[in-house]
Amino acid sequence: MAGDSQNVGVAGLISFIDACPTPFHVVERAAALLAEAGFTPMDEAADWSDASGCRYLCRGGSLVAWRHRTCEAGFRIIGAHTDSPNLRVTPRPDIGTAGFRQLGVEVYGGALLNSWLDRDLGVAGRVATTEGTRLFCINQPVLRVPQLAIHLDREVNQKGLLLNPQTHLVPLWGLGPRAVGEFAEVVAQAAGLDPMEVMAWDAMLHDLAPPTIGGINGEFLFAPRIDNQASCWAGLQAMLAAPADAVPSAVLCLFDHEEVGSTSPQGAMSTLLPGVLERIAGSRQALHPALAKSLCVSANGAHATHPNFAERHEPDHPVTIGGGPVIKRNANLRYATDAVGEAVFSAACQQAEVAQQVYIHRGDMPCGSTIGPFAAATTGVTTIDAGIPQLSMHSAREMCGVQDPVDFALALGAFLRSAS
């Protein structure tokens, strides 16, 4: 099989996704890579008399990193999001029916519900104690949502599978009557805590099948959470490769909660990015001229044209896996890109010597959105929505091309180095 040279480039992304079952693990992993490269952490509660140099801060499932020397040329900002649609464990999860122990879950974001059936599932997240939070990850097949046998749903292949998120997605956990407090005990052990220390948790299910290279010539990546960990990884690679004395200042912002509207203390509609930029600039008086010279890329997955559902796509704007980064436009500003922004990112792709594509949503279908419009509105910065082409978006397991994340990282790197 061919494709070995491509696979070398995507190996870092595979390792990244494998280590990051939750937004909290994305932040932990990104912070570790930044620290290895010489970035130092900042305490939001401390005085920032000097925020120059290579720094980062973490807020829950979000992270901001920067290379800053002067605001004279503004900022080059890359924004992405750390969260993906999934099933999240409820506060009182220990339930059971028909002789099975089960866990109560809620659907987070616009998940493709059927993709969570009949999969080996682990659980990960963070637990809260009186002393703070601690991450945990159970990478064992402790959960499964079994599909109803066709003998009990004879018309499923004719009428389609309809799932009630309250009753049909409750995973099996074990046999016997429900055991109240069992989940707390299990996650406490996984986090290295005494069960009495666990006050609450943010826990979510994840598919245990590892990311893998596929296709007859090794041209595909099959993995969970490509949307949007591929963008987080590409943005992180661009930041790590940026000059230490970058001018304009390079900024990477990985937001949580994009999949549910970004309205949280660490979401793209929060004061996280504007507040950090102001503190980097040193004053509001210095910030506003810098913002007027700044640019932002909202990095998020793009829909590749589906070969089995080509009629669901805009026919004059086909998007192909392996065809390079995708610039996304929408007349109703579901994406933030305008002509000026498109020209900026097209130039970055040309500088990086990678191909580029343009995505337009069908006019007779509602269009999704990204952090782009929020970032543009909260900062006033010209913003471009761009990302890698993929299929199976919002599935428990997605796919993209092995070269596209690498090309996207190169284009983002060129964007950070752009002077105008």
Protein backbone atom coordinates (compact mmCIF):
# COMPACT_ATOMS: atom_id res chain seq x y z
CA MET A 1 0.00 0.00 0.00
CA ALA A 2 1.11 3.56 -0.76
CA GLY A 3 0.78 6.73 1.30
CA ASP A 4 3.63 6.22 3.78
CA SER A 5 5.02 9.73 3.29
CA GLN A 6 1.61 11.24 4.00
CA ASN A 7 1.14 9.09 7.09
CA VAL A 8 4.30 10.47 8.68
CA GLY A 9 2.80 13.97 8.63
CA VAL A 10 -0.52 12.95 10.16
CA ALA A 11 1.02 10.80 12.93
CA GLY A 12 1.07 13.78 15.27
CA LEU A 13 -2.65 14.34 14.79
CA ILE A 14 -3.36 10.66 15.45
CA SER A 15 -1.41 10.84 18.70
CA PHE A 16 -3.19 14.07 19.65
CA ILE A 17 -6.71 12.69 19.10
CA ASP A 18 -5.84 9.46 20.88
CA ALA A 19 -4.75 11.42 23.96
CA CYS A 20 -7.76 13.74 24.02
CA PRO A 21 -11.15 12.10 24.72
CA THR A 22 -12.53 15.38 26.16
CA PRO A 23 -12.02 19.16 25.85
CA PHE A 24 -10.19 19.10 29.18
CA HIS A 25 -7.69 16.61 27.81
CA VAL A 26 -7.24 18.75 24.69
CA VAL A 27 -6.25 21.67 26.92
CA GLU A 28 -3.96 19.47 29.02
CA ARG A 29 -2.24 18.08 25.92
CA ALA A 30 -1.91 21.45 24.21
CA ALA A 31 -0.52 23.03 27.38
CA ALA A 32 2.06 20.26 27.71
CA LEU A 33 3.23 20.71 24.10
CA LEU A 34 3.42 24.47 24.56
CA ALA A 35 5.38 24.09 27.80
CA GLU A 36 7.83 21.75 26.07
CA ALA A 37 8.37 24.47 23.47
CA GLY A 38 9.18 27.08 26.11
CA PHE A 39 5.78 28.71 26.64
CA THR A 40 5.07 29.70 30.24
CA PRO A 41 1.63 29.60 31.92
CA MET A 42 -0.16 32.74 33.05
CA ASP A 43 -2.50 33.00 36.04
CA GLU A 44 -5.69 34.87 35.13
CA ALA A 45 -6.09 35.98 38.75
CA ALA A 46 -2.62 37.52 38.90
CA ASP A 47 -1.38 40.93 37.81
CA TRP A 48 -0.02 40.95 34.25
CA SER A 49 2.54 43.71 34.34
CA ASP A 50 4.30 41.99 31.44
CA ALA A 51 2.58 39.54 29.07
CA SER A 52 5.24 39.60 26.37
CA GLY A 53 7.04 36.53 25.13
CA CYS A 54 5.58 33.04 24.70
CA ARG A 55 2.72 32.50 27.14
CA TYR A 56 -0.53 30.58 27.59
CA LEU A 57 -3.46 30.32 29.98
CA CYS A 58 -6.13 27.68 30.55
CA ARG A 59 -9.75 28.22 31.53
CA GLY A 60 -11.63 24.92 31.87
CA GLY A 61 -11.85 23.35 28.42
CA SER A 62 -10.38 26.44 26.72
CA LEU A 63 -6.83 27.66 26.16
CA VAL A 64 -5.23 30.84 24.81
CA ALA A 65 -1.58 30.94 23.76
CA TRP A 66 0.43 33.79 22.28
CA ARG A 67 3.80 34.98 21.02
CA HIS A 68 3.92 38.72 21.65
CA ARG A 69 6.51 41.45 21.36
CA THR A 70 4.62 44.53 20.15
CA CYS A 71 1.07 45.51 19.18
CA GLU A 72 2.16 47.85 16.42
CA ALA A 73 1.24 45.39 13.66
CA GLY A 74 -1.80 43.92 15.44
CA PHE A 75 -2.57 40.24 16.01
CA ARG A 76 -2.86 37.16 13.81
CA ILE A 77 -5.41 34.98 15.62
CA ILE A 78 -6.30 31.33 15.05
CA GLY A 79 -9.49 30.17 16.77
CA ALA A 80 -10.78 26.60 17.01
CA HIS A 81 -12.96 24.62 19.40
CA THR A 82 -12.11 21.75 21.72
CA ASP A 83 -15.55 20.14 22.11
CA SER A 84 -17.32 17.53 19.99
CA PRO A 85 -20.89 16.17 20.10
CA ASN A 86 -21.16 13.22 22.47
CA LEU A 87 -23.07 11.63 25.34
CA ARG A 88 -22.48 13.17 28.78
CA VAL A 89 -23.10 11.55 32.15
CA THR A 90 -25.85 13.04 34.31
CA PRO A 91 -25.35 14.19 37.94
CA ARG A 92 -27.28 11.15 39.26
CA PRO A 93 -26.35 8.51 36.71
CA ASP A 94 -26.81 5.21 38.54
CA ILE A 95 -29.99 3.76 37.05
CA GLY A 96 -31.16 0.40 35.78
CA THR A 97 -33.91 -1.52 33.95
CA ALA A 98 -34.71 -5.17 33.14
CA GLY A 99 -31.82 -6.57 35.17
CA PHE A 100 -29.18 -4.22 33.75
CA ARG A 101 -27.19 -1.51 35.50
CA GLN A 102 -27.10 1.60 33.30
CA LEU A 103 -25.79 5.16 33.29
CA GLY A 104 -27.96 8.20 32.75
CA VAL A 105 -26.67 10.39 29.90
CA GLU A 106 -27.58 13.57 28.07
CA VAL A 107 -26.90 14.29 24.40
CA TYR A 108 -24.37 17.12 24.00
CA GLY A 109 -24.53 19.10 20.77
CA GLY A 110 -25.83 17.97 17.40
CA ALA A 111 -24.69 14.37 17.61
CA LEU A 112 -25.53 11.77 14.98
CA LEU A 113 -27.31 9.58 17.51
CA ASN A 114 -27.17 6.33 15.54
CA SER A 115 -23.36 6.53 15.42
CA TRP A 116 -23.19 5.84 19.18
CA LEU A 117 -24.92 2.47 18.90
CA ASP A 118 -23.08 -0.84 19.23
CA ARG A 119 -19.70 0.74 20.01
CA ASP A 120 -17.21 -0.06 22.74
CA LEU A 121 -17.30 3.08 24.88
CA GLY A 122 -15.07 4.49 27.58
CA VAL A 123 -15.72 7.46 29.83
CA ALA A 124 -13.50 10.44 30.62
CA GLY A 125 -13.62 13.99 31.91
CA ARG A 126 -12.89 15.79 35.15
CA VAL A 127 -14.03 15.46 38.75
CA ALA A 128 -14.46 18.40 41.09
CA THR A 129 -13.38 18.32 44.73
CA THR A 130 -13.14 20.96 47.41
CA GLU A 131 -9.48 21.33 46.42
CA GLY A 132 -10.03 21.81 42.68
CA THR A 133 -10.44 19.51 39.65
CA ARG A 134 -8.66 16.42 38.41
CA LEU A 135 -8.85 14.71 35.04
CA PHE A 136 -9.64 11.04 34.58
CA CYS A 137 -9.90 8.67 31.64
CA ILE A 138 -11.22 5.11 31.53
CA ASN A 139 -10.01 3.67 28.24
CA GLN A 140 -11.79 0.37 28.69
CA PRO A 141 -15.05 -0.89 27.12
CA VAL A 142 -17.17 -0.27 30.21
CA LEU A 143 -20.23 1.00 28.31
CA ARG A 144 -22.32 0.08 25.29
CA VAL A 145 -25.60 1.28 23.76
CA PRO A 146 -27.06 -1.82 22.07
CA GLN A 147 -29.30 -1.39 19.06
CA LEU A 148 -32.69 -3.11 18.97
CA ALA A 149 -32.55 -6.35 16.99
CA ILE A 150 -34.14 -6.23 13.55
CA HIS A 151 -36.52 -9.00 14.64
CA LEU A 152 -38.10 -6.46 16.99
CA ASP A 153 -38.05 -3.57 14.51
CA ARG A 154 -38.85 -5.13 11.14
CA GLU A 155 -39.35 -1.82 9.31
CA VAL A 156 -36.14 -0.14 10.42
CA ASN A 157 -34.51 -0.52 6.98
CA GLN A 158 -37.59 0.82 5.20
CA LYS A 159 -38.70 3.64 7.51
CA GLY A 160 -35.39 4.54 9.10
CA LEU A 161 -34.04 4.46 12.63
CA LEU A 162 -35.71 6.89 15.03
CA LEU A 163 -34.03 7.29 18.41
CA ASN A 164 -35.47 8.95 21.49
CA PRO A 165 -32.49 10.51 23.34
CA GLN A 166 -34.22 10.02 26.70
CA THR A 167 -34.99 6.32 26.39
CA HIS A 168 -32.98 4.75 23.55
CA LEU A 169 -29.44 5.97 24.26
CA VAL A 170 -29.01 4.83 27.85
CA PRO A 171 -25.78 2.78 27.91
CA LEU A 172 -25.40 -0.55 29.67
CA TRP A 173 -22.88 -0.57 32.51
CA GLY A 174 -23.33 -3.99 34.13
CA LEU A 175 -25.73 -6.65 35.38
CA GLY A 176 -27.90 -6.55 38.47
CA PRO A 177 -29.87 -3.87 40.32
CA ARG A 178 -28.72 -0.30 40.14
CA ALA A 179 -26.04 0.62 42.64
CA VAL A 180 -26.35 4.23 43.76
CA GLY A 181 -22.92 5.81 44.10
CA GLU A 182 -21.18 3.27 41.88
CA PHE A 183 -20.23 5.76 39.16
CA ALA A 184 -18.71 8.13 41.72
CA GLU A 185 -16.63 5.27 43.12
CA VAL A 186 -15.39 4.25 39.68
CA VAL A 187 -14.39 7.75 38.58
CA ALA A 188 -12.79 8.45 41.96
CA GLN A 189 -10.58 5.40 41.51
CA ALA A 190 -9.74 6.46 37.95
CA ALA A 191 -8.80 9.94 39.20
CA GLY A 192 -6.78 8.62 42.14
CA LEU A 193 -9.20 10.00 44.72
CA ASP A 194 -11.24 8.76 47.63
CA PRO A 195 -14.97 8.56 46.64
CA MET A 196 -15.81 10.93 49.50
CA GLU A 197 -13.66 13.61 47.83
CA VAL A 198 -15.73 13.63 44.62
CA MET A 199 -18.26 16.44 44.71
CA ALA A 200 -19.31 16.50 41.03
CA TRP A 201 -18.07 15.66 37.55
CA ASP A 202 -18.07 16.66 33.90
CA ALA A 203 -17.92 13.22 32.31
CA MET A 204 -18.50 12.11 28.76
CA LEU A 205 -18.44 8.92 26.70
CA HIS A 206 -15.92 8.28 23.93
CA ASP A 207 -15.41 5.66 21.23
CA LEU A 208 -12.51 3.35 22.02
CA ALA A 209 -11.58 2.44 18.44
CA PRO A 210 -8.25 4.22 17.85
CA PRO A 211 -7.63 6.65 14.97
CA THR A 212 -6.40 4.74 11.96
CA ILE A 213 -5.20 5.25 8.41
CA GLY A 214 -7.58 3.80 5.79
CA GLY A 215 -8.25 3.63 2.08
CA ILE A 216 -6.60 1.41 -0.49
CA ASN A 217 -3.66 3.81 -0.75
CA GLY A 218 -3.71 5.06 2.83
CA GLU A 219 -5.34 8.35 1.86
CA PHE A 220 -7.94 8.57 4.63
CA LEU A 221 -7.94 9.12 8.38
CA PHE A 222 -10.76 7.41 10.30
CA ALA A 223 -11.04 8.82 13.82
CA PRO A 224 -13.30 10.28 16.47
CA ARG A 225 -13.47 14.04 17.09
CA ILE A 226 -11.87 15.16 13.83
CA ASP A 227 -14.34 18.02 14.22
CA ASN A 228 -12.66 19.90 15.68
CA GLN A 229 -9.50 18.42 17.16
CA ALA A 230 -7.91 18.39 13.71
CA SER A 231 -8.17 22.19 13.70
CA CYS A 232 -6.86 22.43 17.28
CA TRP A 233 -3.86 20.35 16.26
CA ALA A 234 -3.24 22.31 13.05
CA GLY A 235 -3.48 25.63 14.90
CA LEU A 236 -1.14 24.35 17.59
CA GLN A 237 1.42 23.25 14.96
CA ALA A 238 1.25 26.70 13.38
CA MET A 239 1.76 28.40 16.75
CA LEU A 240 4.70 26.18 17.68
CA ALA A 241 6.34 26.90 14.32
CA ALA A 242 5.82 30.68 14.51
CA PRO A 243 8.86 32.91 15.16
CA ALA A 244 9.45 33.62 18.85
CA ASP A 245 9.39 37.37 18.11
CA ALA A 246 6.42 37.13 15.76
CA VAL A 247 5.20 40.41 14.27
CA PRO A 248 2.21 40.62 14.09
CA SER A 249 1.73 38.88 17.44
CA ALA A 250 0.54 35.28 17.01
CA VAL A 251 -2.47 34.16 19.09
CA LEU A 252 -4.10 30.72 19.36
CA CYS A 253 -7.48 30.42 21.07
CA LEU A 254 -9.06 27.00 21.60
CA PHE A 255 -12.63 27.51 22.83
CA ASP A 256 -14.96 25.07 24.53
CA HIS A 257 -18.74 24.82 23.98
CA GLU A 258 -18.92 25.69 20.27
CA GLU A 259 -21.22 22.73 19.67
CA VAL A 260 -23.86 24.18 22.01
CA GLY A 261 -23.71 27.83 21.02
CA SER A 262 -20.49 29.18 22.62
CA THR A 263 -22.39 30.98 25.41
CA SER A 264 -20.30 30.05 28.44
CA PRO A 265 -17.48 31.64 30.47
CA GLN A 266 -14.96 29.95 28.18
CA GLY A 267 -16.91 29.98 24.92
CA ALA A 268 -16.31 32.14 21.86
CA MET A 269 -19.08 34.54 22.93
CA SER A 270 -17.40 35.15 26.28
CA THR A 271 -14.89 37.84 27.22
CA LEU A 272 -12.05 35.30 27.18
CA LEU A 273 -10.39 36.36 23.92
CA PRO A 274 -11.09 40.13 24.11
CA GLY A 275 -9.95 40.17 27.74
CA VAL A 276 -6.71 38.34 27.04
CA LEU A 277 -5.95 40.55 24.03
CA GLU A 278 -6.44 43.66 26.15
CA ARG A 279 -4.13 42.35 28.83
CA ILE A 280 -1.53 41.41 26.21
CA ALA A 281 -1.77 44.90 24.71
CA GLY A 282 -1.32 46.46 28.14
CA SER A 283 -4.30 48.83 27.95
CA ARG A 284 -7.54 49.39 26.11
CA GLN A 285 -5.99 52.44 24.49
CA ALA A 286 -3.31 50.23 22.95
CA LEU A 287 -5.75 47.41 22.13
CA HIS A 288 -8.12 49.16 19.73
CA PRO A 289 -5.52 50.31 17.18
CA ALA A 290 -4.07 46.78 17.31
CA LEU A 291 -7.47 45.20 16.62
CA ALA A 292 -7.91 47.45 13.60
CA LYS A 293 -4.75 45.86 12.13
CA SER A 294 -5.61 42.28 13.14
CA LEU A 295 -6.91 39.21 11.33
CA CYS A 296 -8.47 35.98 12.58
CA VAL A 297 -8.99 32.51 11.14
CA SER A 298 -11.87 30.51 12.58
CA ALA A 299 -10.60 26.96 12.02
CA ASN A 300 -13.35 24.34 11.80
CA GLY A 301 -14.30 21.32 9.73
CA ALA A 302 -15.86 21.73 6.27
CA HIS A 303 -18.28 19.44 4.46
CA ALA A 304 -16.71 17.45 1.67
CA THR A 305 -19.12 16.55 -1.13
CA HIS A 306 -20.62 13.20 -0.14
CA PRO A 307 -20.49 10.77 -3.07
CA ASN A 308 -23.72 9.03 -2.00
CA PHE A 309 -25.62 12.27 -1.33
CA ALA A 310 -24.20 14.69 -3.90
CA GLU A 311 -27.63 16.29 -4.23
CA ARG A 312 -27.30 17.69 -0.69
CA HIS A 313 -24.45 19.94 -1.78
CA GLU A 314 -24.15 23.16 -3.79
CA PRO A 315 -23.34 21.81 -7.28
CA ASP A 316 -21.09 24.70 -8.38
CA HIS A 317 -18.85 24.52 -5.29
CA PRO A 318 -17.71 20.90 -4.98
CA VAL A 319 -15.33 20.13 -2.11
CA THR A 320 -13.06 17.09 -2.21
CA ILE A 321 -11.08 15.27 0.44
CA GLY A 322 -7.42 15.71 -0.47
CA GLY A 323 -8.19 18.99 -2.22
CA GLY A 324 -6.67 21.27 0.40
CA PRO A 325 -8.04 23.70 3.00
CA VAL A 326 -11.58 24.98 2.48
CA ILE A 327 -12.61 28.64 2.75
CA LYS A 328 -16.24 28.82 3.90
CA ARG A 329 -18.60 31.61 2.85
CA ASN A 330 -22.26 32.35 3.56
CA ALA A 331 -24.20 35.44 2.51
CA ASN A 332 -26.18 35.40 5.77
CA LEU A 333 -22.98 35.36 7.86
CA ARG A 334 -23.30 31.89 9.27
CA TYR A 335 -19.62 31.96 8.34
CA ALA A 336 -17.64 35.17 8.90
CA THR A 337 -15.61 35.22 5.66
CA ASP A 338 -15.91 38.20 3.32
CA ALA A 339 -13.96 39.00 0.15
CA VAL A 340 -11.14 40.65 2.07
CA GLY A 341 -10.74 37.66 4.37
CA GLU A 342 -10.93 35.19 1.49
CA ALA A 343 -8.13 37.01 -0.28
CA VAL A 344 -5.99 36.95 2.88
CA PHE A 345 -6.33 33.21 3.41
CA SER A 346 -5.96 32.43 -0.31
CA ALA A 347 -2.65 34.28 -0.19
CA ALA A 348 -1.60 32.24 2.86
CA CYS A 349 -2.41 29.00 1.02
CA GLN A 350 -0.38 30.17 -1.97
CA GLN A 351 2.53 31.08 0.27
CA ALA A 352 2.36 27.62 1.88
CA GLU A 353 2.08 26.04 -1.58
CA VAL A 354 -1.10 24.14 -0.75
CA ALA A 355 -4.29 23.89 -2.76
CA GLN A 356 -7.49 25.62 -1.61
CA GLN A 357 -11.23 25.20 -2.05
CA VAL A 358 -14.35 27.28 -1.40
CA TYR A 359 -17.48 25.94 0.30
CA ILE A 360 -21.00 27.33 -0.17
CA HIS A 361 -24.02 25.70 1.49
CA ARG A 362 -27.07 24.84 -0.60
CA GLY A 363 -29.50 27.75 -0.67
CA ASP A 364 -32.52 25.56 0.12
CA MET A 365 -31.03 24.06 3.30
CA PRO A 366 -30.22 25.70 6.67
CA CYS A 367 -26.53 26.32 7.18
CA GLY A 368 -24.52 25.49 10.29
CA SER A 369 -22.17 27.98 11.91
CA THR A 370 -18.84 28.25 13.74
CA ILE A 371 -17.02 30.42 16.24
CA GLY A 372 -16.17 32.76 13.36
CA PRO A 373 -19.15 35.13 13.58
CA PHE A 374 -18.80 35.29 17.37
CA ALA A 375 -15.07 36.03 17.25
CA ALA A 376 -15.67 38.71 14.62
CA ALA A 377 -18.47 40.32 16.62
CA THR A 378 -16.67 40.32 19.99
CA THR A 379 -13.38 41.69 18.63
CA GLY A 380 -14.30 43.60 15.47
CA VAL A 381 -11.52 41.75 13.65
CA THR A 382 -11.75 40.63 10.01
CA THR A 383 -12.35 36.88 10.33
CA ILE A 384 -12.04 34.02 7.86
CA ASP A 385 -13.82 30.68 8.31
CA ALA A 386 -11.68 27.85 6.97
CA GLY A 387 -11.04 24.19 7.67
CA ILE A 388 -10.33 20.73 6.34
CA PRO A 389 -12.85 18.79 4.22
CA GLN A 390 -14.40 15.81 5.97
CA LEU A 391 -17.26 13.31 5.89
CA SER A 392 -19.40 11.89 8.72
CA MET A 393 -19.28 15.21 10.59
CA HIS A 394 -20.75 14.90 14.13
CA SER A 395 -20.57 11.13 14.04
CA ALA A 396 -18.89 9.26 16.87
CA ARG A 397 -16.34 8.38 14.18
CA GLU A 398 -15.49 10.74 11.32
CA MET A 399 -13.16 10.74 8.33
CA CYS A 400 -10.90 13.11 6.44
CA GLY A 401 -7.84 12.95 4.20
CA VAL A 402 -4.42 12.27 5.72
CA GLN A 403 -2.80 15.21 3.91
CA ASP A 404 -5.47 17.85 4.52
CA PRO A 405 -4.71 18.49 8.24
CA VAL A 406 -1.01 18.80 7.39
CA ASP A 407 -1.73 21.25 4.57
CA PHE A 408 -4.06 23.20 6.86
CA ALA A 409 -1.32 23.51 9.47
CA LEU A 410 1.04 24.84 6.78
CA ALA A 411 -1.55 27.37 5.59
CA LEU A 412 -2.23 28.51 9.16
CA GLY A 413 1.50 28.89 9.71
CA ALA A 414 1.73 31.11 6.63
CA PHE A 415 -1.26 33.10 7.92
CA LEU A 416 0.50 33.76 11.24
CA ARG A 417 3.51 35.08 9.34
CA SER A 418 1.45 37.33 7.06
CA ALA A 419 1.98 41.06 7.47
CA SER A 420 -1.26 42.25 5.91
